[in-house]
C-alpha cells in the first residue's frame, strides 16, 4: 500500500491512525499542499479531486478518508474500529461525521487560504473562524463521550471516532482554540499520546514533516 498524504492534513492523519491501529505496513509519499503539489498532473491522475489522502492498493486508488477507513474496516476487520451492534456502530459513525463533516472541512488548509487571499483575514481572524466551528462541535462531542465513552470516544478501545478526534485536537491547538472546557476529550488525547499507533501517526513523526 502507498499512502499519498501531507503530514499536517487532518484527513491524511486520521487515515494513518487507522492504518497503524490495523497494524498494516504502508509506504508514504508526501504531497506538499503548500506548494500546490496536489494540483500536479501526476497527482491529479491518481486523484482527480486533487486532495489528500489517496491510497494505492492492489491496483486501485482509494480516495476520501471516510471511504478509505470504511474499506479498511471491511477488508481488515481486526482489531475492529466499529462496534458489533448496529446502533452502537451508528453512534460511532455519528461522532466521526460530527468532526469529518461539520468541523474539519471549515478549518482545512484551502479554507484558511481562501480566508486570507479573498477576505484579507489575518491569523487572528483565521483562528477565530476555526474556533467558531470547533468549539460547538467539541461541546457536542464532549456530551456524547460522557454517555458512550470509557477511556475513548466510544467504549474502552479506539474506534473510528478517535481516528477523527485526535487530528482535530491537533488542529485546534494550531489555531489556538482553548480546550480546557473539554476534559473528556483531553483525556482521550492523553491516552492517544501513550498509544503506539497514534504516536506513529502523529504529524511530527512523518517523513515529510518540517
Protein backbone atom coordinates (compact mmCIF):
# COMPACT_ATOMS: atom_id res chain seq x y z
CA UNK A 1 0.00 0.00 0.00
CA UNK A 2 1.12 3.54 -0.79
CA UNK A 3 -0.42 6.43 1.12
CA UNK A 4 -0.21 9.80 -0.60
CA UNK A 5 -0.69 12.46 2.03
CA UNK A 6 0.57 15.59 3.70
CA UNK A 7 1.96 15.45 7.21
CA UNK A 8 -0.40 18.08 8.65
CA UNK A 9 -3.53 17.11 6.72
CA UNK A 10 -6.23 16.07 9.17
CA UNK A 11 -7.72 13.64 6.64
CA UNK A 12 -4.34 12.02 5.98
CA UNK A 13 -3.64 11.96 9.74
CA UNK A 14 -6.86 10.06 10.51
CA UNK A 15 -6.05 7.61 7.72
CA UNK A 16 -2.58 6.98 9.16
CA UNK A 17 -4.10 6.34 12.59
CA UNK A 18 -6.45 3.72 11.16
CA UNK A 19 -3.66 2.03 9.22
CA UNK A 20 -1.48 1.93 12.32
CA UNK A 21 -4.31 0.62 14.52
CA UNK A 22 -4.86 -2.17 12.00
CA UNK A 23 -1.15 -2.98 12.11
CA UNK A 24 -0.72 -2.58 8.36
CA UNK A 25 2.52 -1.74 6.60
CA UNK A 26 2.37 1.11 4.11
CA UNK A 27 4.72 3.34 2.17
CA UNK A 28 4.25 7.09 2.32
CA UNK A 29 4.64 9.61 -0.46
CA UNK A 30 4.37 13.22 0.58
CA UNK A 31 2.18 15.69 -1.31
CA UNK A 32 3.10 19.22 -0.19
CA UNK A 33 -0.18 21.13 -0.17
CA UNK A 34 1.62 24.41 0.42
CA UNK A 35 3.42 24.25 -2.94
CA UNK A 36 0.39 23.04 -4.88
CA UNK A 37 1.73 19.51 -5.43
CA UNK A 38 -1.84 18.24 -5.13
CA UNK A 39 -2.62 20.00 -8.42
CA UNK A 40 0.27 18.44 -10.33
CA UNK A 41 -0.55 16.39 -13.41
CA UNK A 42 0.86 13.25 -11.80
CA UNK A 43 -1.22 13.55 -8.63
CA UNK A 44 -4.45 14.56 -10.38
CA UNK A 45 -4.03 11.42 -12.47
CA UNK A 46 -4.27 9.50 -9.17
CA UNK A 47 -7.00 11.61 -7.60
CA UNK A 48 -8.94 13.89 -9.96
CA UNK A 49 -10.14 15.93 -6.97
CA UNK A 50 -6.56 16.92 -6.21
CA UNK A 51 -6.85 16.27 -2.49
CA UNK A 52 -5.19 14.02 0.08
CA UNK A 53 -5.21 11.28 1.11
CA UNK A 54 -5.08 8.82 -1.75
CA UNK A 55 -4.32 5.17 -1.02
CA UNK A 56 -2.91 2.92 -3.72
CA UNK A 57 -3.76 -0.72 -3.06
CA UNK A 58 -3.89 -3.78 -5.32
CA UNK A 59 -4.01 -1.73 -8.49
CA UNK A 60 -6.77 0.58 -7.22
CA UNK A 61 -6.61 4.14 -5.89
CA UNK A 62 -8.92 4.90 -2.98
CA UNK A 63 -9.76 8.50 -2.12
CA UNK A 64 -11.74 10.34 0.56
CA UNK A 65 -10.72 9.34 4.08
CA UNK A 66 -14.20 8.15 5.19
CA UNK A 67 -14.30 5.73 2.27
CA UNK A 68 -10.74 4.58 2.96
CA UNK A 69 -11.47 3.98 6.65
CA UNK A 70 -14.63 2.04 5.85
CA UNK A 71 -12.67 -0.04 3.32
CA UNK A 72 -10.03 -0.76 5.95
CA UNK A 73 -12.71 -1.92 8.38
CA UNK A 74 -14.30 -4.18 5.77
CA UNK A 75 -11.08 -5.73 4.49
CA UNK A 76 -9.06 -5.82 7.73
CA UNK A 77 -11.69 -6.29 10.45
CA UNK A 78 -9.26 -6.94 13.31
CA UNK A 79 -8.90 -5.06 15.50
CA UNK A 80 -12.36 -3.59 14.92
CA UNK A 81 -12.82 0.17 14.70
CA UNK A 82 -16.62 -0.16 14.76
CA UNK A 83 -18.66 -1.95 17.45
CA UNK A 84 -20.63 -5.06 16.63
CA UNK A 85 -24.07 -3.73 17.49
CA UNK A 86 -25.71 -1.76 14.63
CA UNK A 87 -26.94 1.02 16.93
CA UNK A 88 -23.52 1.37 18.51
CA UNK A 89 -21.95 1.46 15.04
CA UNK A 90 -24.30 4.31 14.14
CA UNK A 91 -23.23 6.22 17.26
CA UNK A 92 -19.54 5.88 16.35
CA UNK A 93 -20.18 6.92 12.77
CA UNK A 94 -22.14 9.93 14.01
CA UNK A 95 -19.24 11.02 16.22
CA UNK A 96 -16.86 10.68 13.27
CA UNK A 97 -19.21 12.62 11.00
CA UNK A 98 -19.60 15.37 13.58
CA UNK A 99 -15.91 16.06 13.08
CA UNK A 100 -15.44 14.98 9.47
CA UNK A 101 -18.50 16.80 8.09
CA UNK A 102 -19.21 19.68 10.47
CA UNK A 103 -15.83 20.77 11.86
CA UNK A 104 -12.84 19.72 9.79
CA UNK A 105 -13.91 20.99 6.34
CA UNK A 106 -14.27 24.51 7.73
CA UNK A 107 -10.71 24.79 9.04
CA UNK A 108 -8.62 22.93 6.49
CA UNK A 109 -5.74 24.46 4.54
CA UNK A 110 -7.69 25.56 1.48
CA UNK A 111 -10.35 27.31 3.58
CA UNK A 112 -7.67 29.18 5.53
CA UNK A 113 -6.04 30.18 2.25
CA UNK A 114 -9.35 31.48 0.92
CA UNK A 115 -9.96 33.47 4.10
CA UNK A 116 -6.56 35.12 3.74
CA UNK A 117 -6.49 35.71 0.00
CA UNK A 118 -10.14 36.51 -0.71
CA UNK A 119 -11.23 38.19 2.51
CA UNK A 120 -7.96 39.60 3.81
CA UNK A 121 -8.09 37.69 7.10
CA UNK A 122 -5.03 37.81 9.33
CA UNK A 123 -4.01 34.89 11.55
CA UNK A 124 -6.13 36.11 14.46
CA UNK A 125 -9.19 36.16 12.23
CA UNK A 126 -8.42 32.70 10.87
CA UNK A 127 -8.04 31.41 14.43
CA UNK A 128 -11.38 32.97 15.39
CA UNK A 129 -13.03 31.40 12.35
CA UNK A 130 -11.70 27.95 13.28
CA UNK A 131 -12.81 28.34 16.89
CA UNK A 132 -16.31 29.34 15.71
CA UNK A 133 -16.81 25.80 14.38
CA UNK A 134 -14.52 23.71 16.59
CA UNK A 135 -15.93 24.83 19.95
CA UNK A 136 -19.62 23.98 19.40
CA UNK A 137 -18.65 20.72 17.76
CA UNK A 138 -16.43 19.78 20.68
CA UNK A 139 -19.18 20.80 23.11
CA UNK A 140 -21.49 18.26 21.49
CA UNK A 141 -18.80 15.59 21.33
CA UNK A 142 -17.90 16.10 25.00
CA UNK A 143 -21.53 15.32 25.89
CA UNK A 144 -21.58 12.25 23.64
CA UNK A 145 -18.37 10.90 25.17
CA UNK A 146 -19.90 11.38 28.63
CA UNK A 147 -22.66 8.97 27.57
CA UNK A 148 -20.72 6.47 25.46
CA UNK A 149 -17.04 6.74 26.38
CA UNK A 150 -14.95 4.58 28.66
CA UNK A 151 -11.46 5.95 28.13
CA UNK A 152 -12.01 6.54 24.41
CA UNK A 153 -14.79 8.22 22.43
CA UNK A 154 -16.92 5.07 22.48
CA UNK A 155 -16.09 2.33 24.93
CA UNK A 156 -12.72 1.19 26.17
CA UNK A 157 -10.83 0.86 22.87
CA UNK A 158 -10.12 3.20 19.95
CA UNK A 159 -12.76 3.44 17.23
CA UNK A 160 -13.23 5.42 14.04
CA UNK A 161 -14.36 8.32 16.21
CA UNK A 162 -10.92 8.54 17.83
CA UNK A 163 -9.27 8.45 14.41
CA UNK A 164 -11.17 11.66 13.68
CA UNK A 165 -10.89 13.30 17.08
CA UNK A 166 -7.13 13.27 17.63
CA UNK A 167 -6.26 15.11 14.38
CA UNK A 168 -8.93 17.69 15.14
CA UNK A 169 -7.47 18.34 18.59
CA UNK A 170 -4.09 18.77 16.92
CA UNK A 171 -5.63 21.33 14.56
CA UNK A 172 -7.44 23.08 17.39
CA UNK A 173 -4.13 23.69 19.14
CA UNK A 174 -2.62 25.07 15.93
CA UNK A 175 -5.49 27.57 15.80
CA UNK A 176 -5.04 28.49 19.49
CA UNK A 177 -8.51 27.20 20.41
CA UNK A 178 -8.91 26.91 24.21
CA UNK A 179 -9.66 23.32 25.18
CA UNK A 180 -9.98 23.42 28.98
CA UNK A 181 -13.76 23.08 28.71
CA UNK A 182 -13.38 19.59 27.23
CA UNK A 183 -11.79 17.39 29.91
CA UNK A 184 -13.09 14.13 28.42
CA UNK A 185 -11.69 14.94 25.00
CA UNK A 186 -8.37 15.95 26.55
CA UNK A 187 -8.26 12.66 28.47
CA UNK A 188 -8.67 10.79 25.19
CA UNK A 189 -5.90 12.89 23.68
CA UNK A 190 -3.66 11.98 26.62
CA UNK A 191 -4.44 8.29 26.12
CA UNK A 192 -3.58 8.60 22.44
CA UNK A 193 -0.26 10.23 23.31
CA UNK A 194 0.72 6.98 25.04
CA UNK A 195 -0.63 4.64 22.35
CA UNK A 196 1.90 3.37 19.80
CA UNK A 197 -0.41 3.62 16.78
CA UNK A 198 -1.32 7.24 17.48
CA UNK A 199 2.31 8.14 18.18
CA UNK A 200 3.41 6.63 14.87
CA UNK A 201 0.67 8.52 13.01
CA UNK A 202 1.42 11.91 14.59
CA UNK A 203 2.39 14.63 12.10
CA UNK A 204 5.78 15.18 13.72
CA UNK A 205 6.66 11.51 13.07
CA UNK A 206 6.08 11.68 9.31
CA UNK A 207 8.87 11.55 6.71
CA UNK A 208 7.71 14.77 5.02
CA UNK A 209 7.37 16.76 8.27
CA UNK A 210 9.22 20.08 8.52
